[in-house]
Amino acid sequence: MQPWTWEDAVRLGKMMLAVVGATVLLAGLVGSASARNLSTSSQLLRASWTRVDFSGGFGTLECEVVVEGSFHGRTISKTVGTLSGFITAAAVIRCARGGATVLRESLPWHVQYASFTGRLPNITTIGATIVGVSFSIRDPGTGSTCLARAINPIMTFGREASGATTSASVSGTAVCRGPFIEVEGELGGTTTNVDNRSGSRITVTLI
């Protein structure tokens, strides 16, 4: 057997570093790939906006809105279109301009997982499609009313590094039709008032 040389030791060291590096990379990939589900600290949800705008051809409605809902379980599949829960109650408290009323017969609204932003495992936002949102509005200028159906608006939850949800935003379009009015408008609003109905923030982690 030939005696070991300095070159042999260097080659062995490089091979060991390569193996260690590949192992760390593989572990990271496996960890990211396995994070297919989201886990919530609560199945209950409440969000209240001091102002949600509906901007259309007649101007902008400015209304205070509250919604409540629940998730089907503590674990949510991170698969687009998965039915995760329901918005079971919604109300327009008051409007600074114009008027609006939730069509209660359209409840419950379906909550479907839609997307996330950020790099795993550090998700910064989680998006959900809300299916079935319907309401009536009163034109602040003419007083005419119409029935609006939102076109699958997105509710986006902000998430901090600890996993706690810090905000909820709503965005999307809606078409409102009535005897004397037909307009397409944009929904938009952001709030930091989102919790588990008991005043505690909802924590979302990856599993």
Protein backbone atom coordinates (compact mmCIF):
# COMPACT_ATOMS: atom_id res chain seq x y z
CA MET A 1 0.00 0.00 0.00
CA GLN A 2 1.30 3.38 -1.00
CA PRO A 3 1.77 5.87 1.85
CA TRP A 4 -0.70 8.78 2.04
CA THR A 5 0.48 12.03 0.58
CA TRP A 6 -0.62 15.62 1.21
CA GLU A 7 -2.48 15.57 -2.11
CA ASP A 8 -4.43 12.49 -1.02
CA ALA A 9 -5.50 14.24 2.18
CA VAL A 10 -6.62 17.32 0.26
CA ARG A 11 -8.68 15.22 -2.15
CA LEU A 12 -10.31 13.36 0.75
CA GLY A 13 -11.13 16.66 2.47
CA LYS A 14 -12.79 18.01 -0.68
CA MET A 15 -14.83 14.83 -1.08
CA MET A 16 -16.03 15.03 2.53
CA LEU A 17 -17.01 18.71 2.14
CA ALA A 18 -18.94 17.86 -1.03
CA VAL A 19 -20.82 15.06 0.74
CA VAL A 20 -21.67 17.28 3.71
CA GLY A 21 -22.83 20.08 1.41
CA ALA A 22 -25.03 17.73 -0.60
CA THR A 23 -26.53 16.33 2.61
CA VAL A 24 -27.39 19.81 3.91
CA LEU A 25 -28.90 20.82 0.56
CA LEU A 26 -30.97 17.64 0.38
CA ALA A 27 -32.21 18.15 3.93
CA GLY A 28 -33.28 21.68 3.05
CA LEU A 29 -35.10 20.53 -0.06
CA VAL A 30 -36.86 17.76 1.81
CA GLY A 31 -37.89 20.20 4.55
CA SER A 32 -39.37 22.63 2.02
CA ALA A 33 -41.07 19.93 0.01
CA SER A 34 -42.65 18.38 3.10
CA ALA A 35 -44.22 21.71 4.17
CA ARG A 36 -47.38 20.96 2.23
CA ASN A 37 -49.85 21.96 4.91
CA LEU A 38 -50.60 24.94 7.10
CA SER A 39 -51.48 24.55 10.76
CA THR A 40 -53.58 27.19 12.53
CA SER A 41 -53.80 27.84 16.25
CA SER A 42 -57.56 28.33 15.99
CA GLN A 43 -60.39 27.19 13.76
CA LEU A 44 -62.30 30.42 14.42
CA LEU A 45 -61.75 33.67 12.52
CA ARG A 46 -62.95 37.25 12.82
CA ALA A 47 -61.86 40.31 10.85
CA SER A 48 -63.24 43.83 11.04
CA TRP A 49 -62.48 46.69 8.68
CA THR A 50 -63.15 50.31 9.57
CA ARG A 51 -63.19 50.97 5.83
CA VAL A 52 -63.79 48.77 2.80
CA ASP A 53 -64.11 50.69 -0.46
CA PHE A 54 -66.23 49.81 -3.46
CA SER A 55 -65.09 52.07 -6.28
CA GLY A 56 -67.26 52.11 -9.39
CA GLY A 57 -68.64 54.40 -12.05
CA PHE A 58 -70.77 56.25 -9.50
CA GLY A 59 -67.95 57.06 -7.08
CA THR A 60 -66.66 55.28 -4.00
CA LEU A 61 -68.61 53.67 -1.16
CA GLU A 62 -66.79 53.67 2.18
CA CYS A 63 -68.16 51.13 4.64
CA GLU A 64 -67.28 49.46 7.92
CA VAL A 65 -67.42 45.66 7.55
CA VAL A 66 -67.15 42.69 9.93
CA VAL A 67 -66.89 39.02 8.94
CA GLU A 68 -66.69 35.85 11.00
CA GLY A 69 -65.95 32.33 9.92
CA SER A 70 -64.31 29.04 10.70
CA PHE A 71 -61.81 26.62 9.21
CA HIS A 72 -62.75 22.98 8.72
CA GLY A 73 -59.78 21.88 10.82
CA ARG A 74 -56.50 23.00 12.33
CA THR A 75 -54.66 21.70 9.25
CA ILE A 76 -55.13 23.31 5.83
CA SER A 77 -53.78 21.80 2.62
CA LYS A 78 -51.51 24.20 0.73
CA THR A 79 -53.18 23.23 -2.56
CA VAL A 80 -54.83 25.87 -4.73
CA GLY A 81 -58.62 25.59 -4.69
CA THR A 82 -58.85 23.48 -1.53
CA LEU A 83 -61.99 24.30 0.47
CA SER A 84 -60.60 25.37 3.85
CA GLY A 85 -63.63 26.79 5.62
CA PHE A 86 -66.59 29.16 5.51
CA ILE A 87 -67.41 32.78 6.21
CA THR A 88 -70.60 32.21 8.16
CA ALA A 89 -71.50 35.77 9.16
CA ALA A 90 -70.89 39.16 7.56
CA ALA A 91 -72.32 42.59 8.16
CA VAL A 92 -71.94 46.17 6.98
CA ILE A 93 -72.01 48.23 10.18
CA ARG A 94 -72.21 51.70 8.63
CA CYS A 95 -71.12 53.59 5.52
CA ALA A 96 -69.53 57.03 5.31
CA ARG A 97 -70.63 57.35 1.67
CA GLY A 98 -73.54 55.53 0.05
CA GLY A 99 -74.90 52.37 1.58
CA ALA A 100 -74.45 48.61 1.43
CA THR A 101 -76.10 45.49 2.87
CA VAL A 102 -74.81 41.92 2.87
CA LEU A 103 -77.18 39.48 1.16
CA ARG A 104 -77.46 37.00 4.01
CA GLU A 105 -79.01 34.36 1.78
CA SER A 106 -75.65 34.14 -0.02
CA LEU A 107 -73.94 32.93 3.19
CA PRO A 108 -71.96 30.89 3.95
CA TRP A 109 -69.18 32.05 1.62
CA HIS A 110 -66.58 29.43 0.74
CA VAL A 111 -62.96 30.01 1.76
CA GLN A 112 -60.49 28.34 -0.63
CA TYR A 113 -56.70 28.30 -0.31
CA ALA A 114 -55.20 30.42 -3.10
CA SER A 115 -51.53 31.34 -2.64
CA PHE A 116 -48.65 32.46 -0.48
CA THR A 117 -45.76 34.89 -0.82
CA GLY A 118 -42.26 34.65 0.62
CA ARG A 119 -39.78 31.79 0.53
CA LEU A 120 -40.47 28.60 2.43
CA PRO A 121 -40.53 28.31 5.33
CA ASN A 122 -40.75 32.09 5.79
CA ILE A 123 -44.21 32.76 4.38
CA THR A 124 -45.14 36.45 4.63
CA THR A 125 -48.71 36.37 3.29
CA ILE A 126 -51.39 33.73 2.74
CA GLY A 127 -54.16 34.30 0.21
CA ALA A 128 -57.65 32.80 0.20
CA THR A 129 -60.36 33.06 -2.44
CA ILE A 130 -63.77 33.94 -0.99
CA VAL A 131 -66.53 32.46 -3.14
CA GLY A 132 -70.12 33.71 -3.03
CA VAL A 133 -69.71 37.27 -1.73
CA SER A 134 -72.94 39.14 -2.54
CA PHE A 135 -74.35 42.45 -1.34
CA SER A 136 -76.62 45.30 -2.35
CA ILE A 137 -75.36 48.86 -2.68
CA ARG A 138 -76.95 52.28 -2.82
CA ASP A 139 -75.47 54.86 -5.17
CA PRO A 140 -74.30 57.77 -3.00
CA GLY A 141 -75.23 60.23 -5.75
CA THR A 142 -78.60 59.12 -7.14
CA GLY A 143 -79.82 56.78 -4.41
CA SER A 144 -80.32 53.98 -6.97
CA THR A 145 -79.73 50.44 -5.71
CA CYS A 146 -78.24 47.36 -7.33
CA LEU A 147 -77.24 43.83 -6.39
CA ALA A 148 -73.54 43.08 -6.53
CA ARG A 149 -71.71 39.77 -6.73
CA ALA A 150 -67.98 39.81 -6.16
CA ILE A 151 -65.90 37.89 -8.68
CA ASN A 152 -64.01 35.60 -6.30
CA PRO A 153 -62.26 38.30 -4.25
CA ILE A 154 -59.02 37.48 -2.45
CA MET A 155 -58.54 37.85 1.30
CA THR A 156 -54.84 38.11 2.09
CA PHE A 157 -53.50 37.52 5.58
CA GLY A 158 -50.21 39.10 6.60
CA ARG A 159 -47.93 36.82 8.64
CA GLU A 160 -44.95 37.79 10.75
CA ALA A 161 -41.86 35.67 11.39
CA SER A 162 -43.35 34.17 14.56
CA GLY A 163 -46.31 32.90 12.54
CA ALA A 164 -48.88 35.31 13.97
CA THR A 165 -51.32 36.88 11.52
CA THR A 166 -50.98 40.64 11.60
CA SER A 167 -53.45 41.88 8.98
CA ALA A 168 -56.22 40.98 6.57
CA SER A 169 -56.74 42.65 3.20
CA VAL A 170 -59.55 42.20 0.72
CA SER A 171 -59.30 42.92 -3.00
CA GLY A 172 -61.18 42.07 -6.17
CA THR A 173 -63.90 43.18 -8.55
CA ALA A 174 -67.68 43.07 -8.38
CA VAL A 175 -70.46 43.68 -10.88
CA CYS A 176 -73.58 45.45 -9.58
CA ARG A 177 -76.81 45.34 -11.58
CA GLY A 178 -80.15 47.02 -10.90
CA PRO A 179 -83.16 48.52 -12.70
CA PHE A 180 -81.42 51.83 -13.32
CA ILE A 181 -77.75 51.04 -12.80
CA GLU A 182 -75.08 48.56 -13.86
CA VAL A 183 -71.50 49.14 -12.81
CA GLU A 184 -68.31 47.20 -12.28
CA GLY A 185 -66.26 48.24 -9.29
CA GLU A 186 -63.16 47.40 -7.29
CA LEU A 187 -63.19 46.16 -3.71
CA GLY A 188 -60.35 47.08 -1.40
CA GLY A 189 -59.51 47.43 2.27
CA THR A 190 -56.92 46.45 4.90
CA THR A 191 -57.23 45.89 8.62
CA THR A 192 -55.07 44.80 11.53
CA ASN A 193 -58.17 43.69 13.45
CA VAL A 194 -58.03 39.96 12.77
CA ASP A 195 -58.25 37.36 15.55
CA ASN A 196 -59.82 34.12 16.76
CA ARG A 197 -63.01 35.86 18.03
CA SER A 198 -61.51 35.99 21.52
CA GLY A 199 -59.05 38.78 20.88
CA SER A 200 -56.00 36.54 20.31
CA ARG A 201 -54.03 36.48 17.08
CA ILE A 202 -54.18 33.37 14.94
CA THR A 203 -50.80 31.70 14.47
CA VAL A 204 -50.10 29.87 11.21
CA THR A 205 -47.20 27.42 10.92
CA LEU A 206 -46.00 25.07 8.21
CA ILE A 207 -46.08 21.32 8.73
